[in-house]
Amino acid sequence: MSASTNLIIAKSDTGIGIILKMANRHGLIAGATGTGKTVTLRTLAEQFSLAGVPVFMADIKGDLSGLPFPGGNNPKVKERVEALAPPDFRFHGFPTVFWDVFGEQGHPVRTTISAMGPLLLSRILNLNDTQTGVLTLVFKIADDNGLLLLDLKDLRSMVQFVGDEAARFKTEYGNISKASIGAIQRNILTLEQQGADRLFGEPALDIGDLIQTDAEGRGVINIFAADRLMQSPRLYATFLLWMLSELFEELPEVGDPDKPVLVFFFDEAHLLFDEAPKVLKDKIEQVVRLIRSKGVGVYFITQNPLDVPDEVLGQLGNRVQHALRAFSPNDQKNVRAAADTFRANPKLDTERVITELEVGEALVSVLDEKGAPTVVQRAYIYPPRSRLKPLALEERGTIIKGSVLYGHYENLVDRESAYEKLKANVEAKEKEAGEAPGKKQREEKSEAGMLLTSMAKSAAHAIGSQIGRQIIRGILGSLGGSRRG
């Protein structure tokens, strides 16, 4: 498949396809539960892979894992193939890599506390504005003193240290309330109890490992096991947002390439915006707008297009709208609003058709060669080529162990960071506690200052190195700031 070829995904009177050069202009897959969104997601992912474009997508329900194997055993799929006769169609599997925060259904995927930054971490911890401000100061103090925040024990130790030394920090950094420190500590504990300690540590995910092709030139499909993580919806959404921000920060500018560098599918997209503060929504809008120039296409998947803010929705040029229900006046209002998001087709009553669509049928509008949306068309989505049935545990295990990445992310690394340095300081203080009272009194006054001076020297040495960049990136919150250096 050449870079100029359309990704043929559906059939109306003729085939409908996304122009590959326009695929990084983002997209939307919407529709009520059970109307065919998952099949559309799979079909799009397969088409991108065939075009040599790597894909990342979350597997919310555990029903995407069959992608490595050929389909053909599902009678409904066979029926749809015969009815639509997709061009160049044959059943086959696709190159796939599995990822999992918990390391059970894929390679462990982690980030560091510093890389996540205070803004996104505050959302995970469910902090209010005042508590977020204190957490930002914690990051700032860690940065100023060369303390790496890699995992939750680093963060917990740093928060404890800042709380204990709040009086010393007040002049330089401002007031640090004990109530906010306590709230942050409690929420860190809650996060640990949810198993989120697995999320933070090293080796952290290398974004380059998501952007791979196989020996045949097909894009690798990265499947992120999210069924367990979805038990904490805010954690799921924030982690995927971190991944998106990492792509934005790490990838070079490429303008408008002939095909995307990567396509990122964001399932259950409404979770990204639910109860998000305005500052975070603004940064999400900024990343979606700018990441296109990095060659990344972002496709949001949700029940209703109105789940996505107008500022983001307006950037989603390639759209597939499955059926919506209209059982109440509010439902009817939503259907009308969804119909209004399309470029009108004089031959089609879009508002009426949205409620009549069959499973696997959709309203489709894509960008033309000039970047303008085409008129909406009613069409059937082409069936997937891969197996619909999820993998058995043994099958998944074989693929994970056969991956070139196997063994790298599985080996947890715990290098010296904030926890170890602060623990060493406490142990030194305890050792000196038995010394003469006069000496103890004199030295206690300078202990914190000596510790901070030593760490400041360590920070100065780290600036310009990878460690230094990790600290800086955390302070900037991973969104909206430069981390290059």
Protein backbone atom coordinates (compact mmCIF):
# COMPACT_ATOMS: atom_id res chain seq x y z
CA MET A 1 0.00 0.00 0.00
CA SER A 2 1.59 3.27 -1.08
CA ALA A 3 1.61 6.45 0.95
CA SER A 4 -0.79 8.10 -1.54
CA THR A 5 -3.38 5.34 -1.22
CA ASN A 6 -6.58 5.86 0.69
CA LEU A 7 -7.26 3.63 3.68
CA ILE A 8 -10.49 2.10 2.42
CA ILE A 9 -12.56 1.51 5.55
CA ALA A 10 -16.21 1.52 4.45
CA LYS A 11 -18.54 1.13 1.48
CA SER A 12 -21.44 3.29 0.38
CA ASP A 13 -22.10 3.41 -3.36
CA THR A 14 -18.31 3.17 -3.63
CA GLY A 15 -15.49 2.65 -1.17
CA ILE A 16 -14.79 5.39 1.38
CA GLY A 17 -11.26 5.89 2.59
CA ILE A 18 -9.09 8.13 4.70
CA ILE A 19 -6.37 9.81 2.66
CA LEU A 20 -3.15 8.64 4.29
CA LYS A 21 -1.57 12.09 4.07
CA MET A 22 -4.57 13.48 5.99
CA ALA A 23 -4.62 10.76 8.62
CA ASN A 24 -2.63 12.85 11.12
CA ARG A 25 -5.46 15.41 11.12
CA HIS A 26 -7.04 13.29 13.84
CA GLY A 27 -10.40 11.55 13.99
CA LEU A 28 -13.44 10.40 15.95
CA ILE A 29 -15.27 7.10 16.31
CA ALA A 30 -18.59 7.60 18.11
CA GLY A 31 -21.75 5.64 18.78
CA ALA A 32 -23.85 3.95 21.45
CA THR A 33 -22.75 0.71 23.11
CA GLY A 34 -23.05 -2.30 20.80
CA THR A 35 -23.22 -0.38 17.52
CA GLY A 36 -19.84 -1.44 16.13
CA LYS A 37 -17.23 1.01 17.42
CA THR A 38 -14.77 -1.75 18.39
CA VAL A 39 -14.93 -3.36 14.95
CA THR A 40 -14.34 0.06 13.36
CA LEU A 41 -11.35 0.58 15.64
CA ARG A 42 -9.94 -2.80 14.65
CA THR A 43 -10.50 -2.20 10.93
CA LEU A 44 -8.79 1.19 11.09
CA ALA A 45 -5.86 -0.24 13.05
CA GLU A 46 -5.40 -3.03 10.51
CA GLN A 47 -5.48 -0.60 7.59
CA PHE A 48 -2.91 1.66 9.21
CA SER A 49 -0.67 -1.34 9.90
CA LEU A 50 -0.87 -2.43 6.25
CA ALA A 51 0.15 1.11 5.25
CA GLY A 52 3.27 0.83 7.44
CA VAL A 53 1.91 3.05 10.22
CA PRO A 54 2.42 1.88 13.84
CA VAL A 55 -0.64 2.01 16.07
CA PHE A 56 -1.25 2.38 19.80
CA MET A 57 -4.61 1.47 21.32
CA ALA A 58 -6.03 0.55 24.69
CA ASP A 59 -7.93 -2.71 25.05
CA ILE A 60 -10.73 -1.76 27.44
CA LYS A 61 -12.75 -4.98 27.34
CA GLY A 62 -10.06 -7.49 26.46
CA ASP A 63 -11.51 -8.16 23.02
CA LEU A 64 -8.72 -6.84 20.77
CA SER A 65 -6.07 -9.42 21.56
CA GLY A 66 -6.90 -11.63 18.54
CA LEU A 67 -5.16 -9.22 16.16
CA PRO A 68 -1.99 -11.36 15.79
CA PHE A 69 -3.98 -14.23 14.23
CA PRO A 70 -6.04 -14.49 11.01
CA GLY A 71 -9.83 -14.36 11.21
CA GLY A 72 -12.36 -16.24 9.13
CA ASN A 73 -14.08 -18.36 11.75
CA ASN A 74 -16.85 -15.88 12.54
CA PRO A 75 -19.94 -16.43 10.34
CA LYS A 76 -21.08 -12.80 10.59
CA VAL A 77 -17.68 -11.60 9.40
CA LYS A 78 -17.77 -14.05 6.47
CA GLU A 79 -21.25 -12.82 5.58
CA ARG A 80 -20.10 -9.18 5.62
CA VAL A 81 -17.06 -10.01 3.45
CA GLU A 82 -19.30 -11.65 0.84
CA ALA A 83 -21.76 -8.76 0.88
CA LEU A 84 -19.21 -5.92 0.65
CA ALA A 85 -16.36 -7.60 -1.27
CA PRO A 86 -13.56 -5.44 0.22
CA PRO A 87 -10.67 -4.88 -2.21
CA ASP A 88 -7.59 -7.09 -1.83
CA PHE A 89 -9.18 -8.79 1.18
CA ARG A 90 -7.74 -11.87 2.84
CA PHE A 91 -7.76 -13.05 6.44
CA HIS A 92 -4.43 -12.67 8.22
CA GLY A 93 -2.87 -11.57 11.49
CA PHE A 94 -0.86 -8.45 12.29
CA PRO A 95 2.40 -7.70 14.12
CA THR A 96 1.40 -7.02 17.71
CA VAL A 97 3.08 -6.01 20.96
CA PHE A 98 1.20 -6.27 24.26
CA TRP A 99 1.66 -3.81 27.14
CA ASP A 100 0.29 -3.83 30.68
CA VAL A 101 0.88 -1.56 33.68
CA PHE A 102 0.66 -4.61 35.91
CA GLY A 103 3.00 -6.71 33.76
CA GLU A 104 0.51 -9.59 33.56
CA GLN A 105 -0.94 -9.30 30.05
CA GLY A 106 2.00 -7.60 28.37
CA HIS A 107 5.36 -5.93 28.87
CA PRO A 108 5.33 -3.71 31.97
CA VAL A 109 4.81 -0.09 31.00
CA ARG A 110 6.02 2.55 33.45
CA THR A 111 6.83 6.20 33.80
CA THR A 112 8.59 8.11 36.55
CA ILE A 113 7.08 10.55 39.02
CA SER A 114 9.34 13.29 37.62
CA ALA A 115 8.20 12.59 34.06
CA MET A 116 4.53 12.58 35.02
CA GLY A 117 4.88 16.01 36.62
CA PRO A 118 2.74 17.76 39.25
CA LEU A 119 -0.17 18.72 36.98
CA LEU A 120 -1.02 15.21 35.80
CA LEU A 121 -0.12 13.65 39.15
CA SER A 122 -2.49 16.02 40.92
CA ARG A 123 -5.29 14.73 38.72
CA ILE A 124 -4.44 11.12 39.56
CA LEU A 125 -4.32 12.00 43.28
CA ASN A 126 -7.60 13.93 43.06
CA LEU A 127 -6.09 17.05 44.67
CA ASN A 128 -7.78 20.44 44.93
CA ASP A 129 -6.13 23.66 43.76
CA THR A 130 -4.44 24.38 47.09
CA GLN A 131 -3.07 20.85 47.39
CA THR A 132 -1.91 20.97 43.77
CA GLY A 133 0.01 24.13 44.58
CA VAL A 134 1.77 22.40 47.47
CA LEU A 135 2.59 19.38 45.31
CA THR A 136 4.08 21.73 42.71
CA LEU A 137 6.31 23.17 45.45
CA VAL A 138 7.38 19.65 46.41
CA PHE A 139 8.50 19.08 42.81
CA LYS A 140 10.24 22.46 42.74
CA ILE A 141 12.18 21.74 45.93
CA ALA A 142 13.16 18.31 44.61
CA ASP A 143 14.36 19.91 41.40
CA ASP A 144 16.33 22.65 43.15
CA ASN A 145 18.10 20.07 45.28
CA GLY A 146 18.86 17.35 42.75
CA LEU A 147 16.44 14.80 44.15
CA LEU A 148 15.11 12.40 41.54
CA LEU A 149 11.47 11.38 41.94
CA LEU A 150 11.20 8.01 40.22
CA ASP A 151 8.61 5.99 42.10
CA LEU A 152 5.95 6.42 44.78
CA LYS A 153 8.33 5.83 47.66
CA ASP A 154 10.43 8.74 46.36
CA LEU A 155 7.36 10.95 46.26
CA ARG A 156 6.18 9.85 49.70
CA SER A 157 9.61 10.54 51.21
CA MET A 158 9.86 13.92 49.50
CA VAL A 159 6.42 15.00 50.69
CA GLN A 160 7.33 13.93 54.23
CA PHE A 161 10.63 15.84 54.06
CA VAL A 162 8.97 19.03 52.80
CA GLY A 163 6.30 18.77 55.49
CA ASP A 164 8.88 18.30 58.24
CA GLU A 165 10.98 21.23 56.98
CA ALA A 166 8.06 23.49 56.03
CA ALA A 167 9.22 26.30 58.32
CA ARG A 168 12.65 26.36 56.65
CA PHE A 169 11.15 26.43 53.16
CA LYS A 170 8.52 29.09 53.87
CA THR A 171 10.72 32.13 53.12
CA GLU A 172 11.92 30.88 49.73
CA TYR A 173 8.94 28.88 48.49
CA GLY A 174 5.89 30.15 50.37
CA ASN A 175 3.53 28.63 52.87
CA ILE A 176 3.27 24.84 52.93
CA SER A 177 0.26 23.82 54.98
CA LYS A 178 0.31 20.67 57.07
CA ALA A 179 -3.28 19.96 56.00
CA SER A 180 -2.27 19.83 52.32
CA ILE A 181 0.77 17.69 53.09
CA GLY A 182 -1.49 15.29 54.99
CA ALA A 183 -4.02 15.13 52.15
CA ILE A 184 -1.29 14.37 49.61
CA GLN A 185 0.14 11.63 51.83
CA ARG A 186 -3.27 10.01 52.27
CA ASN A 187 -3.98 10.06 48.56
CA ILE A 188 -0.56 8.55 47.77
CA LEU A 189 -1.45 5.70 50.14
CA THR A 190 -4.79 5.22 48.35
CA LEU A 191 -3.00 5.14 45.02
CA GLU A 192 -0.63 2.45 46.29
CA GLN A 193 -3.55 0.38 47.51
CA GLN A 194 -5.01 0.51 43.99
CA GLY A 195 -1.80 -1.06 42.68
CA ALA A 196 -0.61 2.13 40.99
CA ASP A 197 2.87 1.71 42.47
CA ARG A 198 3.44 -0.57 39.44
CA LEU A 199 2.95 2.45 37.20
CA PHE A 200 6.00 4.34 38.46
CA GLY A 201 9.61 3.24 38.23
CA GLU A 202 12.32 2.27 35.78
CA PRO A 203 12.97 1.31 33.09
CA ALA A 204 10.41 3.87 31.95
CA LEU A 205 8.69 3.43 28.62
CA ASP A 206 10.81 4.45 25.63
CA ILE A 207 8.37 6.06 23.21
CA GLY A 208 10.53 4.80 20.34
CA ASP A 209 9.50 1.23 21.20
CA LEU A 210 5.94 2.10 20.13
CA ILE A 211 7.04 3.24 16.68
CA GLN A 212 8.15 0.03 14.97
CA THR A 213 7.50 -1.86 11.74
CA ASP A 214 8.02 -5.55 11.01
CA ALA A 215 10.16 -7.19 8.34
CA GLU A 216 7.33 -6.81 5.80
CA GLY A 217 7.02 -3.08 6.46
CA ARG A 218 3.75 -3.36 8.35
CA GLY A 219 3.22 -1.05 11.31
CA VAL A 220 3.30 -2.77 14.69
CA ILE A 221 0.00 -2.59 16.60
CA ASN A 222 0.64 -1.85 20.28
CA ILE A 223 -2.19 -3.13 22.49
CA PHE A 224 -2.37 -1.69 26.00
CA ALA A 225 -4.28 -4.02 28.36
CA ALA A 226 -6.58 -1.61 30.19
CA ASP A 227 -9.39 -3.77 31.57
CA ARG A 228 -7.89 -3.78 35.08
CA LEU A 229 -6.62 -0.21 34.95
CA MET A 230 -10.13 0.94 33.99
CA GLN A 231 -11.22 0.16 37.55
CA SER A 232 -9.59 3.54 38.25
CA PRO A 233 -10.90 5.57 35.28
CA ARG A 234 -9.06 8.76 36.16
CA LEU A 235 -5.77 6.88 36.43
CA TYR A 236 -6.39 5.26 33.03
CA ALA A 237 -7.19 8.55 31.31
CA THR A 238 -4.31 10.46 32.90
CA PHE A 239 -1.78 7.77 32.05
CA LEU A 240 -2.81 7.78 28.38
CA LEU A 241 -2.65 11.57 28.43
CA TRP A 242 0.91 11.31 29.76
CA MET A 243 1.78 8.99 26.86
CA LEU A 244 0.31 11.50 24.42
CA SER A 245 2.30 14.32 26.00
CA GLU A 246 5.49 12.22 25.82
CA LEU A 247 4.95 11.73 22.10
CA PHE A 248 4.48 15.48 21.75
CA GLU A 249 7.67 16.22 23.69
CA GLU A 250 9.92 13.49 22.30
CA LEU A 251 9.15 13.36 18.58
CA PRO A 252 10.73 15.82 16.14
CA GLU A 253 8.75 18.21 13.96
CA VAL A 254 7.93 16.62 10.59
CA GLY A 255 5.22 18.96 9.27
CA ASP A 256 2.67 17.09 7.16
CA PRO A 257 4.29 13.75 6.22
CA ASP A 258 2.99 11.43 3.50
CA LYS A 259 1.71 9.17 6.26
CA PRO A 260 1.54 9.39 10.07
CA VAL A 261 4.49 8.42 12.24
CA LEU A 262 2.02 6.86 14.70
CA VAL A 263 -1.73 6.69 15.17
CA PHE A 264 -2.94 6.87 18.78
CA PHE A 265 -6.47 5.62 19.57
CA PHE A 266 -7.90 7.04 22.80
CA ASP A 267 -10.81 4.83 23.89
CA GLU A 268 -13.40 6.02 26.45
CA ALA A 269 -12.30 9.55 25.56
CA HIS A 270 -14.91 11.20 27.79
CA LEU A 271 -12.82 10.15 30.81
CA LEU A 272 -10.10 12.50 29.63
CA PHE A 273 -12.34 15.52 30.06
CA ASP A 274 -14.66 14.54 32.93
CA GLU A 275 -14.10 16.92 35.86
CA ALA A 276 -10.79 18.06 34.36
CA PRO A 277 -9.77 21.57 35.47
CA LYS A 278 -9.69 24.26 32.80
CA VAL A 279 -5.89 24.47 32.84
CA LEU A 280 -5.68 20.76 31.97
CA LYS A 281 -8.36 20.98 29.25
CA ASP A 282 -6.48 23.90 27.72
CA LYS A 283 -3.26 21.88 27.64
CA ILE A 284 -5.03 18.87 26.12
CA GLU A 285 -6.40 21.11 23.38
CA GLN A 286 -2.92 22.51 22.84
CA VAL A 287 -1.29 19.07 22.56
CA VAL A 288 -3.96 17.77 20.14
CA ARG A 289 -3.53 20.87 17.99
CA LEU A 290 0.27 20.76 17.89
CA ILE A 291 0.99 17.02 17.85
CA ARG A 292 -0.19 16.81 14.25
CA SER A 293 3.11 18.45 13.20
CA LYS A 294 4.93 15.56 14.93
CA GLY A 295 3.19 13.15 12.55
CA VAL A 296 0.88 11.71 15.20
CA GLY A 297 -2.81 11.17 14.47
CA VAL A 298 -5.09 11.01 17.51
CA TYR A 299 -8.44 9.23 17.18
CA PHE A 300 -10.93 9.61 20.04
CA ILE A 301 -13.47 6.85 20.69
CA THR A 302 -16.56 7.69 22.72
CA GLN A 303 -20.32 7.19 22.82
CA ASN A 304 -21.31 10.72 21.83
CA PRO A 305 -19.25 13.34 19.98
CA LEU A 306 -20.49 15.87 22.52
CA ASP A 307 -18.31 14.09 25.11
CA VAL A 308 -15.39 15.91 23.47
CA PRO A 309 -15.02 19.69 24.05
CA ASP A 310 -15.69 21.88 21.01
CA GLU A 311 -12.06 23.08 20.93
CA VAL A 312 -10.89 19.49 20.45
CA LEU A 313 -13.87 18.25 18.42
CA GLY A 314 -13.19 20.90 15.80
CA GLN A 315 -9.77 19.35 15.14
CA LEU A 316 -11.11 15.85 14.42
CA GLY A 317 -11.40 15.77 10.64
CA ASN A 318 -11.97 12.05 9.97
CA ARG A 319 -15.22 10.88 11.55
CA VAL A 320 -17.16 7.65 11.87
CA GLN A 321 -20.53 8.01 13.61
CA HIS A 322 -22.38 4.83 14.57
CA ALA A 323 -25.97 4.78 15.80
CA LEU A 324 -27.21 6.91 18.69
CA ARG A 325 -30.38 6.28 20.69
CA ALA A 326 -33.15 8.88 21.05
CA PHE A 327 -35.39 7.68 23.87
CA SER A 328 -35.76 11.01 25.66
CA PRO A 329 -35.88 14.71 24.76
CA ASN A 330 -32.27 15.05 25.92
CA ASP A 331 -31.25 12.11 23.69
CA GLN A 332 -32.99 13.78 20.74
CA LYS A 333 -31.10 17.00 21.45
CA ASN A 334 -27.81 15.10 21.45
CA VAL A 335 -28.68 13.39 18.16
CA ARG A 336 -29.44 16.75 16.58
CA ALA A 337 -26.16 18.19 17.85
CA ALA A 338 -24.21 15.17 16.58
CA ALA A 339 -25.80 15.52 13.13
CA ASP A 340 -24.80 19.19 13.04
CA THR A 341 -21.11 18.28 13.39
CA PHE A 342 -21.07 16.85 9.86
CA ARG A 343 -20.90 18.62 6.52
CA ALA A 344 -24.47 18.24 5.28
CA ASN A 345 -25.36 15.89 2.44
CA PRO A 346 -28.49 17.17 0.60
CA LYS A 347 -29.39 13.56 -0.22
CA LEU A 348 -29.29 12.46 3.41
CA ASP A 349 -31.36 13.34 6.49
CA THR A 350 -28.43 12.96 8.88
CA GLU A 351 -30.41 13.49 12.08
CA ARG A 352 -32.92 10.79 11.20
CA VAL A 353 -30.38 8.32 9.87
CA ILE A 354 -28.23 8.42 13.05
CA THR A 355 -31.03 6.65 14.93
CA GLU A 356 -31.64 4.10 12.14
CA LEU A 357 -28.12 2.80 11.55
CA GLU A 358 -27.62 -0.95 11.83
CA VAL A 359 -24.77 -2.58 13.75
CA GLY A 360 -21.63 -2.09 11.68
CA GLU A 361 -23.20 0.73 9.70
CA ALA A 362 -22.11 4.34 10.18
CA LEU A 363 -22.13 7.90 8.92
CA VAL A 364 -18.66 8.64 7.55
CA SER A 365 -16.96 11.91 6.65
CA VAL A 366 -13.24 12.23 5.90
CA LEU A 367 -10.91 14.99 4.81
CA ASP A 368 -10.34 15.51 1.10
CA GLU A 369 -6.97 16.25 -0.49
CA LYS A 370 -7.28 19.94 0.40
CA GLY A 371 -8.06 19.17 4.04
CA ALA A 372 -11.79 20.00 3.83
CA PRO A 373 -14.40 17.55 5.20
CA THR A 374 -16.35 15.59 2.62
CA VAL A 375 -20.14 15.45 2.75
CA VAL A 376 -21.36 12.80 5.15
CA GLN A 377 -22.25 9.40 3.69
CA ARG A 378 -24.09 6.40 5.02
CA ALA A 379 -21.87 3.34 4.73
CA TYR A 380 -21.04 -0.14 6.01
CA ILE A 381 -17.69 -0.54 7.75
CA TYR A 382 -15.48 -3.19 6.19
CA PRO A 383 -14.92 -6.27 8.39
CA PRO A 384 -11.59 -6.95 10.11
CA ARG A 385 -9.08 -9.43 8.72
CA SER A 386 -7.84 -10.66 12.09
CA ARG A 387 -9.39 -13.02 14.60
CA LEU A 388 -12.25 -11.64 16.69
CA LYS A 389 -11.90 -14.24 19.44
CA PRO A 390 -9.53 -13.05 22.22
CA LEU A 391 -6.30 -14.93 22.79
CA ALA A 392 -5.97 -17.65 25.38
CA LEU A 393 -3.43 -16.94 28.14
CA GLU A 394 -0.97 -19.39 26.57
CA GLU A 395 -1.23 -17.71 23.16
CA ARG A 396 -0.70 -14.27 24.65
CA GLY A 397 2.25 -15.52 26.69
CA THR A 398 3.92 -16.98 23.60
CA ILE A 399 3.67 -13.64 21.77
CA ILE A 400 4.97 -11.66 24.75
CA LYS A 401 7.98 -13.93 25.21
CA GLY A 402 8.68 -13.92 21.48
CA SER A 403 8.88 -10.12 21.38
CA VAL A 404 12.28 -8.44 20.88
CA LEU A 405 11.40 -6.30 23.92
CA TYR A 406 10.98 -9.26 26.26
CA GLY A 407 13.34 -9.09 29.22
CA HIS A 408 13.99 -5.35 29.08
CA TYR A 409 10.90 -3.91 30.75
CA GLU A 410 10.42 -7.03 32.87
CA ASN A 411 13.58 -6.25 34.88
CA LEU A 412 12.80 -3.50 37.39
CA VAL A 413 15.65 -1.11 38.19
CA ASP A 414 15.77 0.83 41.48
CA ARG A 415 18.62 3.33 41.31
CA GLU A 416 19.50 5.94 43.94
CA SER A 417 16.88 8.66 44.09
CA ALA A 418 15.04 10.83 46.63
CA TYR A 419 14.06 7.96 48.92
CA GLU A 420 17.60 6.67 49.35
CA LYS A 421 19.13 10.13 49.84
CA LEU A 422 16.55 11.25 52.38
CA LYS A 423 16.75 7.93 54.22
CA ALA A 424 20.54 8.29 54.46
CA ASN A 425 20.08 11.76 55.94
CA VAL A 426 17.66 10.45 58.60
CA GLU A 427 20.03 7.63 59.50
CA ALA A 428 22.90 10.11 59.83
CA LYS A 429 20.81 12.25 62.20
CA GLU A 430 19.91 9.22 64.32
CA LYS A 431 23.56 8.24 64.54
CA GLU A 432 24.52 11.69 65.77
CA ALA A 433 21.70 11.80 68.31
CA GLY A 434 23.92 10.12 70.93
CA GLU A 435 26.68 12.74 70.67
CA ALA A 436 27.33 15.59 73.11
CA PRO A 437 24.31 17.92 73.48
CA GLY A 438 26.33 21.05 72.62
CA LYS A 439 27.68 19.60 69.40
CA LYS A 440 24.29 18.19 68.51
CA GLN A 441 22.60 21.55 69.00
CA ARG A 442 25.16 23.35 66.81
CA GLU A 443 25.02 20.81 64.02
CA GLU A 444 21.25 20.41 63.94
CA LYS A 445 20.91 24.03 62.87
CA SER A 446 23.00 23.43 59.79
CA GLU A 447 22.00 19.88 58.89
CA ALA A 448 19.16 20.80 56.56
CA GLY A 449 21.29 23.49 54.94
CA MET A 450 24.21 21.08 54.45
CA LEU A 451 21.88 18.49 52.93
CA LEU A 452 20.37 21.02 50.53
CA THR A 453 23.78 22.43 49.58
CA SER A 454 25.09 18.97 48.80
CA MET A 455 22.03 18.15 46.74
CA ALA A 456 22.20 21.47 44.90
CA LYS A 457 25.73 20.54 43.77
CA SER A 458 24.37 17.21 42.61
CA ALA A 459 21.64 19.01 40.66
CA ALA A 460 24.16 21.33 39.00
CA HIS A 461 26.17 18.32 37.89
CA ALA A 462 23.04 16.64 36.54
CA ILE A 463 21.84 19.56 34.40
CA GLY A 464 22.48 18.75 30.75
CA SER A 465 22.45 15.04 31.46
CA GLN A 466 19.49 12.70 31.04
CA ILE A 467 18.91 12.86 34.80
CA GLY A 468 18.76 16.63 34.65
CA ARG A 469 16.23 16.56 31.84
CA GLN A 470 14.04 14.16 33.79
CA ILE A 471 13.92 16.52 36.74
CA ILE A 472 13.14 19.53 34.57
CA ARG A 473 10.45 17.73 32.63
CA GLY A 474 8.60 16.89 35.83
CA ILE A 475 8.61 20.50 36.97
CA LEU A 476 7.13 21.57 33.67
CA GLY A 477 4.40 18.99 34.07
CA SER A 478 5.22 17.28 30.75
CA LEU A 479 2.71 19.52 28.97
CA GLY A 480 3.21 22.81 27.23
CA GLY A 481 6.87 23.34 28.01
CA SER A 482 10.19 22.55 26.40
CA ARG A 483 12.25 19.68 27.78
CA ARG A 484 15.01 19.82 25.25
CA GLY A 485 18.52 20.50 26.39
